[in-house]
Amino acid sequence: MTAISLNNIPLSTTNPNPVTSWQTYVKERQPEIQQLNQDLKSGDLAAAQQDYNNLEALGRNVIHKDNPFLRADRALDFNAIGGALQNGDLAGAQKAVAALESTFERQKLPPEATSATGTGNSVNVIA
């Protein structure tokens, strides 16, 4: 896992409170991924493509990248989803979504590891 300081991430300059923008961004990705997974499970490739496009737009609008994930492994999984969708490969897209979701499961920390021990003012986010 890589901790990213919020100070190093470009955020939209139109929002007067960039931390709120970042928090919203992080919260919005998980439901979008779940919707993408649901549409893939139902076999609706058109809806899945729209879900993928929504995630891609979220990344462009908030972190100014075509990929909404900062972590390299998540970015690769996201790109694999897009490639599979472009090729009409439902099974490949489902496999790539499962791989992407597994990266979120691996980041969960035990309760004792989540307590704040630092004294600095910097906020770290795992993305």
C-alpha atoms as a PDB file:
ATOM      1  CA  MET A   1       0.000   0.000   0.000  1.00  0.00           C
ATOM      2  CA  THR A   2       1.136   3.487  -0.744  1.00  0.00           C
ATOM      3  CA  ALA A   3       0.162   6.430   1.428  1.00  0.00           C
ATOM      4  CA  ILE A   4      -0.399   9.592  -0.540  1.00  0.00           C
ATOM      5  CA  SER A   5      -0.257  13.002   1.100  1.00  0.00           C
ATOM      6  CA  LEU A   6      -3.172  15.191   0.106  1.00  0.00           C
ATOM      7  CA  ASN A   7      -0.696  18.008  -0.404  1.00  0.00           C
ATOM      8  CA  ASN A   8       0.806  16.154  -3.393  1.00  0.00           C
ATOM      9  CA  ILE A   9      -2.428  15.496  -5.282  1.00  0.00           C
ATOM     10  CA  PRO A  10      -3.776  18.077  -7.706  1.00  0.00           C
ATOM     11  CA  LEU A  11      -7.411  18.834  -6.963  1.00  0.00           C
ATOM     12  CA  SER A  12      -9.965  20.926  -8.748  1.00  0.00           C
ATOM     13  CA  THR A  13      -9.273  24.609  -8.284  1.00  0.00           C
ATOM     14  CA  THR A  14     -12.958  25.466  -8.478  1.00  0.00           C
ATOM     15  CA  ASN A  15     -13.749  23.924  -5.095  1.00  0.00           C
ATOM     16  CA  PRO A  16     -12.842  26.214  -2.183  1.00  0.00           C
ATOM     17  CA  ASN A  17     -12.455  23.191   0.116  1.00  0.00           C
ATOM     18  CA  PRO A  18     -10.226  20.614  -1.661  1.00  0.00           C
ATOM     19  CA  VAL A  19     -10.282  18.149   1.253  1.00  0.00           C
ATOM     20  CA  THR A  20     -14.054  17.887   0.947  1.00  0.00           C
ATOM     21  CA  SER A  21     -13.627  17.338  -2.779  1.00  0.00           C
ATOM     22  CA  TRP A  22     -11.096  14.556  -2.100  1.00  0.00           C
ATOM     23  CA  GLN A  23     -13.309  12.907   0.534  1.00  0.00           C
ATOM     24  CA  THR A  24     -16.256  12.982  -1.868  1.00  0.00           C
ATOM     25  CA  TYR A  25     -14.098  11.504  -4.607  1.00  0.00           C
ATOM     26  CA  VAL A  26     -12.986   8.591  -2.448  1.00  0.00           C
ATOM     27  CA  LYS A  27     -16.558   7.893  -1.305  1.00  0.00           C
ATOM     28  CA  GLU A  28     -17.943   8.038  -4.845  1.00  0.00           C
ATOM     29  CA  ARG A  29     -15.644   5.422  -6.330  1.00  0.00           C
ATOM     30  CA  GLN A  30     -16.832   2.438  -4.294  1.00  0.00           C
ATOM     31  CA  PRO A  31     -20.547   2.696  -5.242  1.00  0.00           C
ATOM     32  CA  GLU A  32     -19.552   3.200  -8.888  1.00  0.00           C
ATOM     33  CA  ILE A  33     -17.442   0.034  -8.771  1.00  0.00           C
ATOM     34  CA  GLN A  34     -20.302  -1.861  -7.150  1.00  0.00           C
ATOM     35  CA  GLN A  35     -22.697  -0.657  -9.861  1.00  0.00           C
ATOM     36  CA  LEU A  36     -20.223  -1.715 -12.546  1.00  0.00           C
ATOM     37  CA  ASN A  37     -19.951  -5.159 -10.970  1.00  0.00           C
ATOM     38  CA  GLN A  38     -23.725  -5.468 -10.712  1.00  0.00           C
ATOM     39  CA  ASP A  39     -24.220  -4.533 -14.365  1.00  0.00           C
ATOM     40  CA  LEU A  40     -21.544  -7.020 -15.429  1.00  0.00           C
ATOM     41  CA  LYS A  41     -23.157  -9.789 -13.377  1.00  0.00           C
ATOM     42  CA  SER A  42     -26.493  -9.077 -15.059  1.00  0.00           C
ATOM     43  CA  GLY A  43     -24.761  -9.201 -18.455  1.00  0.00           C
ATOM     44  CA  ASP A  44     -25.619  -5.601 -19.361  1.00  0.00           C
ATOM     45  CA  LEU A  45     -22.511  -4.528 -21.287  1.00  0.00           C
ATOM     46  CA  ALA A  46     -23.982  -1.160 -22.294  1.00  0.00           C
ATOM     47  CA  ALA A  47     -24.694  -0.205 -18.678  1.00  0.00           C
ATOM     48  CA  ALA A  48     -21.282  -1.525 -17.618  1.00  0.00           C
ATOM     49  CA  GLN A  49     -19.610   0.645 -20.270  1.00  0.00           C
ATOM     50  CA  GLN A  50     -21.511   3.666 -18.940  1.00  0.00           C
ATOM     51  CA  ASP A  51     -20.409   2.799 -15.383  1.00  0.00           C
ATOM     52  CA  TYR A  52     -16.817   2.578 -16.597  1.00  0.00           C
ATOM     53  CA  ASN A  53     -17.156   5.940 -18.340  1.00  0.00           C
ATOM     54  CA  ASN A  54     -18.566   7.468 -15.132  1.00  0.00           C
ATOM     55  CA  LEU A  55     -15.544   6.258 -13.174  1.00  0.00           C
ATOM     56  CA  GLU A  56     -13.208   7.555 -15.859  1.00  0.00           C
ATOM     57  CA  ALA A  57     -14.916  10.973 -15.768  1.00  0.00           C
ATOM     58  CA  LEU A  58     -14.651  11.025 -11.979  1.00  0.00           C
ATOM     59  CA  GLY A  59     -10.883  10.602 -12.264  1.00  0.00           C
ATOM     60  CA  ARG A  60     -10.576  13.318 -14.912  1.00  0.00           C
ATOM     61  CA  ASN A  61     -12.664  15.776 -12.903  1.00  0.00           C
ATOM     62  CA  VAL A  62     -10.950  15.281  -9.551  1.00  0.00           C
ATOM     63  CA  ILE A  63      -7.369  14.124 -10.088  1.00  0.00           C
ATOM     64  CA  HIS A  64      -7.055  15.138 -13.740  1.00  0.00           C
ATOM     65  CA  LYS A  65      -6.164  11.640 -14.960  1.00  0.00           C
ATOM     66  CA  ASP A  66      -7.987   9.285 -17.309  1.00  0.00           C
ATOM     67  CA  ASN A  67      -7.809   6.643 -14.616  1.00  0.00           C
ATOM     68  CA  PRO A  68      -9.600   7.171 -11.291  1.00  0.00           C
ATOM     69  CA  PHE A  69      -7.079   5.191  -9.256  1.00  0.00           C
ATOM     70  CA  LEU A  70      -3.739   6.353  -7.936  1.00  0.00           C
ATOM     71  CA  ARG A  71      -2.427   2.892  -7.056  1.00  0.00           C
ATOM     72  CA  ALA A  72      -0.714   1.144  -9.964  1.00  0.00           C
ATOM     73  CA  ASP A  73      -2.393  -2.230  -9.333  1.00  0.00           C
ATOM     74  CA  ARG A  74      -5.846  -0.634  -9.320  1.00  0.00           C
ATOM     75  CA  ALA A  75      -5.037   1.385 -12.428  1.00  0.00           C
ATOM     76  CA  LEU A  76      -4.033  -1.795 -14.268  1.00  0.00           C
ATOM     77  CA  ASP A  77      -7.221  -3.563 -13.183  1.00  0.00           C
ATOM     78  CA  PHE A  78      -9.304  -0.548 -14.244  1.00  0.00           C
ATOM     79  CA  ASN A  79      -7.624  -0.459 -17.652  1.00  0.00           C
ATOM     80  CA  ALA A  80      -8.255  -4.199 -18.026  1.00  0.00           C
ATOM     81  CA  ILE A  81     -11.956  -3.591 -17.367  1.00  0.00           C
ATOM     82  CA  GLY A  82     -12.048  -0.945 -20.085  1.00  0.00           C
ATOM     83  CA  GLY A  83     -10.258  -3.146 -22.573  1.00  0.00           C
ATOM     84  CA  ALA A  84     -12.564  -6.071 -21.906  1.00  0.00           C
ATOM     85  CA  LEU A  85     -15.653  -3.885 -22.230  1.00  0.00           C
ATOM     86  CA  GLN A  86     -14.366  -2.428 -25.490  1.00  0.00           C
ATOM     87  CA  ASN A  87     -13.954  -5.975 -26.841  1.00  0.00           C
ATOM     88  CA  GLY A  88     -17.356  -7.123 -25.552  1.00  0.00           C
ATOM     89  CA  ASP A  89     -15.616  -9.589 -23.222  1.00  0.00           C
ATOM     90  CA  LEU A  90     -18.074  -9.959 -20.336  1.00  0.00           C
ATOM     91  CA  ALA A  91     -16.078 -12.676 -18.551  1.00  0.00           C
ATOM     92  CA  GLY A  92     -12.835 -10.692 -18.845  1.00  0.00           C
ATOM     93  CA  ALA A  93     -14.475  -7.559 -17.472  1.00  0.00           C
ATOM     94  CA  GLN A  94     -15.956  -9.526 -14.565  1.00  0.00           C
ATOM     95  CA  LYS A  95     -12.545 -11.001 -13.773  1.00  0.00           C
ATOM     96  CA  ALA A  96     -10.900  -7.552 -13.868  1.00  0.00           C
ATOM     97  CA  VAL A  97     -13.585  -6.068 -11.577  1.00  0.00           C
ATOM     98  CA  ALA A  98     -13.043  -8.921  -9.125  1.00  0.00           C
ATOM     99  CA  ALA A  99      -9.306  -8.201  -9.168  1.00  0.00           C
ATOM    100  CA  LEU A 100      -9.969  -4.495  -8.592  1.00  0.00           C
ATOM    101  CA  GLU A 101     -12.356  -5.177  -5.707  1.00  0.00           C
ATOM    102  CA  SER A 102      -9.829  -7.519  -4.097  1.00  0.00           C
ATOM    103  CA  THR A 103      -7.398  -4.603  -3.741  1.00  0.00           C
ATOM    104  CA  PHE A 104      -9.914  -2.835  -1.519  1.00  0.00           C
ATOM    105  CA  GLU A 105     -10.346  -5.940   0.640  1.00  0.00           C
ATOM    106  CA  ARG A 106      -6.571  -6.231   1.128  1.00  0.00           C
ATOM    107  CA  GLN A 107      -6.267  -2.669   2.408  1.00  0.00           C
ATOM    108  CA  LYS A 108      -8.510  -3.222   5.436  1.00  0.00           C
ATOM    109  CA  LEU A 109      -6.431  -2.901   8.572  1.00  0.00           C
ATOM    110  CA  PRO A 110      -6.985  -4.517  11.959  1.00  0.00           C
ATOM    111  CA  PRO A 111      -8.661  -2.162  14.485  1.00  0.00           C
ATOM    112  CA  GLU A 112      -5.441  -1.566  16.425  1.00  0.00           C
ATOM    113  CA  ALA A 113      -3.685  -0.402  13.252  1.00  0.00           C
ATOM    114  CA  THR A 114      -6.258   2.288  12.486  1.00  0.00           C
ATOM    115  CA  SER A 115      -5.612   4.505  15.495  1.00  0.00           C
ATOM    116  CA  ALA A 116      -3.788   7.758  14.749  1.00  0.00           C
ATOM    117  CA  THR A 117      -0.274   7.872  16.167  1.00  0.00           C
ATOM    118  CA  GLY A 118       1.245  10.716  14.178  1.00  0.00           C
ATOM    119  CA  THR A 119       1.436  14.283  15.422  1.00  0.00           C
ATOM    120  CA  GLY A 120       1.870  16.041  12.060  1.00  0.00           C
ATOM    121  CA  ASN A 121      -0.776  18.057  10.267  1.00  0.00           C
ATOM    122  CA  SER A 122      -0.528  16.060   7.039  1.00  0.00           C
ATOM    123  CA  VAL A 123      -3.412  13.740   6.180  1.00  0.00           C
ATOM    124  CA  ASN A 124      -2.544  10.525   4.378  1.00  0.00           C
ATOM    125  CA  VAL A 125      -4.975   8.684   2.163  1.00  0.00           C
ATOM    126  CA  ILE A 126      -4.602   5.241   0.679  1.00  0.00           C
ATOM    127  CA  ALA A 127      -5.945   5.258  -2.857  1.00  0.00           C
END
